[in-house]
Amino acid sequence: MTERENQFDAFDEAAGEAKEQVGEDRLETISRLAHRQVELEKELEDLAEQQKRVKKELIRVAQVDLPEAMDEVGMAQLRLADGFEVDIQEGVDASINKANAGEAHAWLEEHGFGDLIKREVKANLGRENQDLARALKTFLEQEGVPYDEKEAVHPQTLKRFVREQLEKGVDIPEDLFGVFNYRKAKITPAG
């Protein structure tokens, strides 16, 4: 018996015990709605899995299959008989993982790009400490208030920076910035 069937049996058993205490028609409504909720939760899980699968397939078609097929015929652009245009474009992606963050941020600072790094100072204060929430990091340290500090480069900012540096021929540590070059098909509808 599946977990879902066990849930339905538990609902039915509980409903049977309560029928004598509450009107039978109300319990049937509750039972029906409970079953419907379980069905909808399962449907939502299934849709999330389907979305992951379709997204993965779309990436494969757009970044591998279609560019390779266009390469085989020696074309980077093509207008199809139905008017759609296929254009293979070059792209670059980048990301800094946690393991490389310190080293990547140091490289940015050393090479004059420290302004790409965004810093966030966050303190968890109770209502009675609202005035402290407006204070600077040094004040928090003086007061002994625990705080979290975060440094990060926004993903789109990093992507644009890496693309610009590569276009200029600047030698950047691609492993630190998780540089990934790709080709992707862009489809433009007719019209």
Foldseek 3Di string as FASTA:
>chain_A
DDPLVVVLVVLVVVLVVCCVVDPNVVSVVVSVVVNVVVVVVVVVVVVVVVVVVVVVVQCCCFFPVVVVVCVVVPDQWDQDPQGKIKHKDKFKFWAADPVLVVVQCVVCVVVVNNVQKDKDKAFDDDPVPVVVRPDDPVVCVVVVGDIDMDIDGPRVSLRVVVVVCVVVVHDDDCVRTVMDMTMGMDMDHHD
